[in-house]
């Protein structure tokens, strides 16, 4: 089984591409979705997070606003949160890989793939990209998003141009859905051909 990474900066359309991959029958592990489950109602990580960051959890799981305020701009606190979250996500990913070990290839949807050096253990990286103006328009349309917040997030991420330079495969989403779907179908055919399936 070959393992590919899927990444892209905020607002580039990575989630849409992940859905298209699933519709093509490709198993996709969504790291962000796992974090939401682990931190959601009854999530496995709630006791550890509440112990380390008192008052940030409740019956509905993690209060993302409170937890964000506790760690954003505080590197040591962010590191403490990551030390709780990352091992649990790694364990879920290992389960996903075991479940799909008979498949020709799988995709790991990892937003901070390059930032956390996760690309080193993969067979290739798929980068999702779009023009900067379209990225900005998409992100600013999100509830509660401001230009200042958008700039802070982008500043923390590996630049899109750098991601594209290091990518093995690129999916452009600055076009129509039909065009993006066609790119995804072509990619799946290409990856399938590489595995001989």
C-alpha atoms as a PDB file:
ATOM      1  CA  UNK A   1       0.000   0.000   0.000  1.00  0.00           C
ATOM      2  CA  UNK A   2       1.239   3.453  -0.909  1.00  0.00           C
ATOM      3  CA  UNK A   3       0.481   6.433   1.333  1.00  0.00           C
ATOM      4  CA  UNK A   4       0.060   9.940  -0.097  1.00  0.00           C
ATOM      5  CA  UNK A   5      -0.369  13.222   1.744  1.00  0.00           C
ATOM      6  CA  UNK A   6      -2.991  15.819   0.864  1.00  0.00           C
ATOM      7  CA  UNK A   7      -2.365  19.389   1.978  1.00  0.00           C
ATOM      8  CA  UNK A   8      -3.032  23.006   1.129  1.00  0.00           C
ATOM      9  CA  UNK A   9      -3.216  26.378   2.817  1.00  0.00           C
ATOM     10  CA  UNK A  10      -6.425  27.686   4.356  1.00  0.00           C
ATOM     11  CA  UNK A  11      -9.171  28.382   1.813  1.00  0.00           C
ATOM     12  CA  UNK A  12      -7.520  26.477  -1.026  1.00  0.00           C
ATOM     13  CA  UNK A  13     -10.271  23.846  -1.336  1.00  0.00           C
ATOM     14  CA  UNK A  14      -8.531  20.896   0.296  1.00  0.00           C
ATOM     15  CA  UNK A  15     -11.705  19.630   1.989  1.00  0.00           C
ATOM     16  CA  UNK A  16     -13.589  19.683  -1.321  1.00  0.00           C
ATOM     17  CA  UNK A  17     -10.795  17.702  -2.991  1.00  0.00           C
ATOM     18  CA  UNK A  18     -10.784  15.183  -0.113  1.00  0.00           C
ATOM     19  CA  UNK A  19     -14.532  14.618  -0.673  1.00  0.00           C
ATOM     20  CA  UNK A  20     -13.940  14.125  -4.401  1.00  0.00           C
ATOM     21  CA  UNK A  21     -11.228  11.555  -3.639  1.00  0.00           C
ATOM     22  CA  UNK A  22     -13.627   9.656  -1.364  1.00  0.00           C
ATOM     23  CA  UNK A  23     -16.267   9.656  -4.100  1.00  0.00           C
ATOM     24  CA  UNK A  24     -13.658   8.042  -6.352  1.00  0.00           C
ATOM     25  CA  UNK A  25     -13.336   5.264  -3.765  1.00  0.00           C
ATOM     26  CA  UNK A  26     -10.043   6.416  -2.231  1.00  0.00           C
ATOM     27  CA  UNK A  27      -9.736   5.940   1.552  1.00  0.00           C
ATOM     28  CA  UNK A  28      -8.942   9.356   3.055  1.00  0.00           C
ATOM     29  CA  UNK A  29      -7.856   9.946   6.647  1.00  0.00           C
ATOM     30  CA  UNK A  30      -8.904  13.431   7.785  1.00  0.00           C
ATOM     31  CA  UNK A  31      -6.675  14.580  10.648  1.00  0.00           C
ATOM     32  CA  UNK A  32      -8.859  17.626  11.435  1.00  0.00           C
ATOM     33  CA  UNK A  33     -12.023  15.523  11.545  1.00  0.00           C
ATOM     34  CA  UNK A  34     -10.337  13.147  13.994  1.00  0.00           C
ATOM     35  CA  UNK A  35      -9.357  16.077  16.215  1.00  0.00           C
ATOM     36  CA  UNK A  36     -13.006  17.220  16.233  1.00  0.00           C
ATOM     37  CA  UNK A  37     -14.136  13.716  17.255  1.00  0.00           C
ATOM     38  CA  UNK A  38     -11.472  13.410  19.951  1.00  0.00           C
ATOM     39  CA  UNK A  39     -12.383  16.852  21.331  1.00  0.00           C
ATOM     40  CA  UNK A  40     -16.142  16.635  20.732  1.00  0.00           C
ATOM     41  CA  UNK A  41     -18.910  15.457  23.084  1.00  0.00           C
ATOM     42  CA  UNK A  42     -17.603  12.451  25.026  1.00  0.00           C
ATOM     43  CA  UNK A  43     -14.248  12.712  23.226  1.00  0.00           C
ATOM     44  CA  UNK A  44     -11.291  10.720  24.535  1.00  0.00           C
ATOM     45  CA  UNK A  45      -9.141  13.824  25.026  1.00  0.00           C
ATOM     46  CA  UNK A  46     -11.534  15.909  27.113  1.00  0.00           C
ATOM     47  CA  UNK A  47     -10.237  14.835  30.550  1.00  0.00           C
ATOM     48  CA  UNK A  48      -6.590  15.534  29.635  1.00  0.00           C
ATOM     49  CA  UNK A  49      -7.444  18.890  28.026  1.00  0.00           C
ATOM     50  CA  UNK A  50      -9.608  19.972  30.970  1.00  0.00           C
ATOM     51  CA  UNK A  51      -6.846  19.029  33.418  1.00  0.00           C
ATOM     52  CA  UNK A  52      -4.228  21.052  31.530  1.00  0.00           C
ATOM     53  CA  UNK A  53      -6.550  23.909  30.466  1.00  0.00           C
ATOM     54  CA  UNK A  54      -9.273  24.224  33.149  1.00  0.00           C
ATOM     55  CA  UNK A  55     -12.596  25.638  31.985  1.00  0.00           C
ATOM     56  CA  UNK A  56     -12.058  24.942  28.274  1.00  0.00           C
ATOM     57  CA  UNK A  57     -14.356  21.900  28.000  1.00  0.00           C
ATOM     58  CA  UNK A  58     -18.005  21.153  28.696  1.00  0.00           C
ATOM     59  CA  UNK A  59     -20.868  18.793  27.758  1.00  0.00           C
ATOM     60  CA  UNK A  60     -20.451  19.728  24.076  1.00  0.00           C
ATOM     61  CA  UNK A  61     -16.724  19.000  24.161  1.00  0.00           C
ATOM     62  CA  UNK A  62     -13.956  21.549  23.806  1.00  0.00           C
ATOM     63  CA  UNK A  63     -14.951  25.206  23.751  1.00  0.00           C
ATOM     64  CA  UNK A  64     -12.788  26.127  20.756  1.00  0.00           C
ATOM     65  CA  UNK A  65     -12.924  29.838  21.534  1.00  0.00           C
ATOM     66  CA  UNK A  66     -11.663  29.387  25.110  1.00  0.00           C
ATOM     67  CA  UNK A  67      -9.041  26.820  24.162  1.00  0.00           C
ATOM     68  CA  UNK A  68      -7.879  28.971  21.250  1.00  0.00           C
ATOM     69  CA  UNK A  69      -7.517  31.970  23.561  1.00  0.00           C
ATOM     70  CA  UNK A  70      -5.474  29.842  25.971  1.00  0.00           C
ATOM     71  CA  UNK A  71      -2.958  28.679  23.350  1.00  0.00           C
ATOM     72  CA  UNK A  72      -2.951  31.244  20.521  1.00  0.00           C
ATOM     73  CA  UNK A  73       0.181  33.376  20.795  1.00  0.00           C
ATOM     74  CA  UNK A  74       1.526  31.233  23.654  1.00  0.00           C
ATOM     75  CA  UNK A  75       4.036  28.758  22.170  1.00  0.00           C
ATOM     76  CA  UNK A  76       4.494  26.758  25.394  1.00  0.00           C
ATOM     77  CA  UNK A  77       0.755  26.326  25.857  1.00  0.00           C
ATOM     78  CA  UNK A  78       0.338  25.314  22.220  1.00  0.00           C
ATOM     79  CA  UNK A  79       3.106  22.757  22.675  1.00  0.00           C
ATOM     80  CA  UNK A  80       1.323  21.361  25.730  1.00  0.00           C
ATOM     81  CA  UNK A  81      -1.917  21.000  23.753  1.00  0.00           C
ATOM     82  CA  UNK A  82      -0.104  19.346  20.851  1.00  0.00           C
ATOM     83  CA  UNK A  83       1.475  16.839  23.246  1.00  0.00           C
ATOM     84  CA  UNK A  84      -2.069  15.767  24.174  1.00  0.00           C
ATOM     85  CA  UNK A  85      -3.606  15.813  20.688  1.00  0.00           C
ATOM     86  CA  UNK A  86      -0.868  14.553  18.360  1.00  0.00           C
ATOM     87  CA  UNK A  87      -0.295  11.088  19.927  1.00  0.00           C
ATOM     88  CA  UNK A  88      -4.051  10.422  19.822  1.00  0.00           C
ATOM     89  CA  UNK A  89      -4.303  11.463  16.160  1.00  0.00           C
ATOM     90  CA  UNK A  90      -1.267   9.305  15.310  1.00  0.00           C
ATOM     91  CA  UNK A  91      -2.970   6.322  16.971  1.00  0.00           C
ATOM     92  CA  UNK A  92      -6.162   6.896  14.931  1.00  0.00           C
ATOM     93  CA  UNK A  93      -4.107   7.216  11.754  1.00  0.00           C
ATOM     94  CA  UNK A  94      -2.326   3.924  12.524  1.00  0.00           C
ATOM     95  CA  UNK A  95      -5.747   2.243  12.918  1.00  0.00           C
ATOM     96  CA  UNK A  96      -6.861   3.729   9.578  1.00  0.00           C
ATOM     97  CA  UNK A  97      -3.742   2.367   7.843  1.00  0.00           C
ATOM     98  CA  UNK A  98      -4.261  -1.100   9.349  1.00  0.00           C
ATOM     99  CA  UNK A  99      -7.912  -1.137   8.249  1.00  0.00           C
ATOM    100  CA  UNK A 100      -6.952  -0.224   4.677  1.00  0.00           C
ATOM    101  CA  UNK A 101      -3.730  -2.214   4.314  1.00  0.00           C
ATOM    102  CA  UNK A 102      -5.152  -4.254   1.431  1.00  0.00           C
ATOM    103  CA  UNK A 103      -5.839  -1.124  -0.641  1.00  0.00           C
ATOM    104  CA  UNK A 104      -3.535  -0.012  -3.454  1.00  0.00           C
ATOM    105  CA  UNK A 105      -3.131   3.448  -1.942  1.00  0.00           C
ATOM    106  CA  UNK A 106      -4.626   5.766   0.654  1.00  0.00           C
ATOM    107  CA  UNK A 107      -4.514   9.515   1.262  1.00  0.00           C
ATOM    108  CA  UNK A 108      -3.785  11.310   4.533  1.00  0.00           C
ATOM    109  CA  UNK A 109      -5.462  14.736   4.671  1.00  0.00           C
ATOM    110  CA  UNK A 110      -3.015  16.747   6.807  1.00  0.00           C
ATOM    111  CA  UNK A 111      -3.346  20.567   6.834  1.00  0.00           C
ATOM    112  CA  UNK A 112       0.095  21.280   8.380  1.00  0.00           C
ATOM    113  CA  UNK A 113       1.941  18.545   6.491  1.00  0.00           C
ATOM    114  CA  UNK A 114       5.045  20.563   5.626  1.00  0.00           C
ATOM    115  CA  UNK A 115       4.980  22.657   8.801  1.00  0.00           C
ATOM    116  CA  UNK A 116       5.174  19.500  10.943  1.00  0.00           C
ATOM    117  CA  UNK A 117       7.549  17.661   8.546  1.00  0.00           C
ATOM    118  CA  UNK A 118       5.011  14.884   7.967  1.00  0.00           C
ATOM    119  CA  UNK A 119       5.874  14.637   4.264  1.00  0.00           C
ATOM    120  CA  UNK A 120       9.084  12.705   4.877  1.00  0.00           C
ATOM    121  CA  UNK A 121       7.416   9.326   5.374  1.00  0.00           C
ATOM    122  CA  UNK A 122       5.051   9.489   2.396  1.00  0.00           C
ATOM    123  CA  UNK A 123       5.174   8.156  -1.160  1.00  0.00           C
ATOM    124  CA  UNK A 124       4.167  11.580  -2.481  1.00  0.00           C
ATOM    125  CA  UNK A 125       2.363  14.822  -1.662  1.00  0.00           C
ATOM    126  CA  UNK A 126      -0.744  16.284  -3.325  1.00  0.00           C
ATOM    127  CA  UNK A 127      -1.037  20.053  -2.914  1.00  0.00           C
ATOM    128  CA  UNK A 128      -4.350  21.852  -3.413  1.00  0.00           C
ATOM    129  CA  UNK A 129      -3.974  25.435  -4.631  1.00  0.00           C
ATOM    130  CA  UNK A 130      -5.970  28.424  -5.874  1.00  0.00           C
ATOM    131  CA  UNK A 131      -5.201  32.055  -6.741  1.00  0.00           C
ATOM    132  CA  UNK A 132      -4.520  34.278  -3.707  1.00  0.00           C
ATOM    133  CA  UNK A 133      -7.556  36.486  -4.403  1.00  0.00           C
ATOM    134  CA  UNK A 134      -9.864  33.455  -4.443  1.00  0.00           C
ATOM    135  CA  UNK A 135      -8.303  32.069  -1.258  1.00  0.00           C
ATOM    136  CA  UNK A 136      -8.846  35.414   0.496  1.00  0.00           C
ATOM    137  CA  UNK A 137     -12.463  35.652  -0.731  1.00  0.00           C
ATOM    138  CA  UNK A 138     -13.267  32.112   0.470  1.00  0.00           C
ATOM    139  CA  UNK A 139     -11.707  32.571   3.894  1.00  0.00           C
ATOM    140  CA  UNK A 140     -13.184  36.023   4.584  1.00  0.00           C
ATOM    141  CA  UNK A 141     -16.650  34.592   3.829  1.00  0.00           C
ATOM    142  CA  UNK A 142     -16.317  32.305   6.875  1.00  0.00           C
ATOM    143  CA  UNK A 143     -18.240  33.320  10.030  1.00  0.00           C
ATOM    144  CA  UNK A 144     -16.109  35.289  12.485  1.00  0.00           C
ATOM    145  CA  UNK A 145     -13.161  35.633  10.110  1.00  0.00           C
ATOM    146  CA  UNK A 146     -11.359  38.972   9.845  1.00  0.00           C
ATOM    147  CA  UNK A 147      -8.539  40.128   7.596  1.00  0.00           C
ATOM    148  CA  UNK A 148      -6.209  40.328  10.622  1.00  0.00           C
ATOM    149  CA  UNK A 149      -7.022  36.737  11.635  1.00  0.00           C
ATOM    150  CA  UNK A 150      -6.632  35.551   8.053  1.00  0.00           C
ATOM    151  CA  UNK A 151      -3.194  37.190   7.806  1.00  0.00           C
ATOM    152  CA  UNK A 152      -2.090  35.601  11.106  1.00  0.00           C
ATOM    153  CA  UNK A 153      -3.123  32.129   9.911  1.00  0.00           C
ATOM    154  CA  UNK A 154      -1.420  32.527   6.519  1.00  0.00           C
ATOM    155  CA  UNK A 155       1.740  33.786   8.243  1.00  0.00           C
ATOM    156  CA  UNK A 156       1.930  30.546  10.274  1.00  0.00           C
ATOM    157  CA  UNK A 157       1.563  28.332   7.188  1.00  0.00           C
ATOM    158  CA  UNK A 158       4.183  27.359   4.627  1.00  0.00           C
ATOM    159  CA  UNK A 159       3.611  29.718   1.648  1.00  0.00           C
ATOM    160  CA  UNK A 160       1.489  28.326  -1.172  1.00  0.00           C
ATOM    161  CA  UNK A 161       4.294  28.858  -3.706  1.00  0.00           C
ATOM    162  CA  UNK A 162       6.656  26.794  -1.541  1.00  0.00           C
ATOM    163  CA  UNK A 163       4.066  24.011  -1.177  1.00  0.00           C
ATOM    164  CA  UNK A 164       3.571  23.914  -4.942  1.00  0.00           C
ATOM    165  CA  UNK A 165       7.329  23.812  -5.509  1.00  0.00           C
ATOM    166  CA  UNK A 166       7.688  20.796  -3.224  1.00  0.00           C
ATOM    167  CA  UNK A 167       4.537  18.966  -4.396  1.00  0.00           C
ATOM    168  CA  UNK A 168       4.517  15.728  -6.364  1.00  0.00           C
ATOM    169  CA  UNK A 169       0.978  16.424  -7.625  1.00  0.00           C
ATOM    170  CA  UNK A 170      -1.012  19.678  -7.781  1.00  0.00           C
ATOM    171  CA  UNK A 171      -4.781  20.134  -7.910  1.00  0.00           C
ATOM    172  CA  UNK A 172      -5.967  23.599  -8.961  1.00  0.00           C
ATOM    173  CA  UNK A 173      -9.312  24.636  -7.424  1.00  0.00           C
ATOM    174  CA  UNK A 174      -9.411  28.181  -8.761  1.00  0.00           C
ATOM    175  CA  UNK A 175     -11.590  26.906 -11.584  1.00  0.00           C
ATOM    176  CA  UNK A 176     -14.970  25.144 -11.865  1.00  0.00           C
ATOM    177  CA  UNK A 177     -15.993  22.142  -9.749  1.00  0.00           C
ATOM    178  CA  UNK A 178     -16.222  20.086 -12.941  1.00  0.00           C
ATOM    179  CA  UNK A 179     -12.630  20.949 -13.827  1.00  0.00           C
ATOM    180  CA  UNK A 180     -11.410  20.146 -10.312  1.00  0.00           C
ATOM    181  CA  UNK A 181     -13.295  16.819 -10.386  1.00  0.00           C
ATOM    182  CA  UNK A 182     -11.635  15.994 -13.705  1.00  0.00           C
ATOM    183  CA  UNK A 183      -8.211  16.707 -12.183  1.00  0.00           C
ATOM    184  CA  UNK A 184      -9.037  14.449  -9.231  1.00  0.00           C
ATOM    185  CA  UNK A 185     -10.188  11.603 -11.528  1.00  0.00           C
ATOM    186  CA  UNK A 186      -6.962  11.913 -13.507  1.00  0.00           C
ATOM    187  CA  UNK A 187      -4.907  11.878 -10.301  1.00  0.00           C
ATOM    188  CA  UNK A 188      -6.674   8.737  -9.020  1.00  0.00           C
ATOM    189  CA  UNK A 189      -6.054   7.008 -12.364  1.00  0.00           C
ATOM    190  CA  UNK A 190      -2.394   8.057 -12.235  1.00  0.00           C
ATOM    191  CA  UNK A 191      -1.879   6.814  -8.661  1.00  0.00           C
ATOM    192  CA  UNK A 192      -3.729   3.588  -9.455  1.00  0.00           C
ATOM    193  CA  UNK A 193      -1.489   3.004 -12.492  1.00  0.00           C
ATOM    194  CA  UNK A 194       1.605   3.491 -10.319  1.00  0.00           C
ATOM    195  CA  UNK A 195       0.487   0.697  -8.023  1.00  0.00           C
ATOM    196  CA  UNK A 196      -0.466  -1.567 -10.906  1.00  0.00           C
ATOM    197  CA  UNK A 197      -4.167  -1.564  -9.933  1.00  0.00           C
END
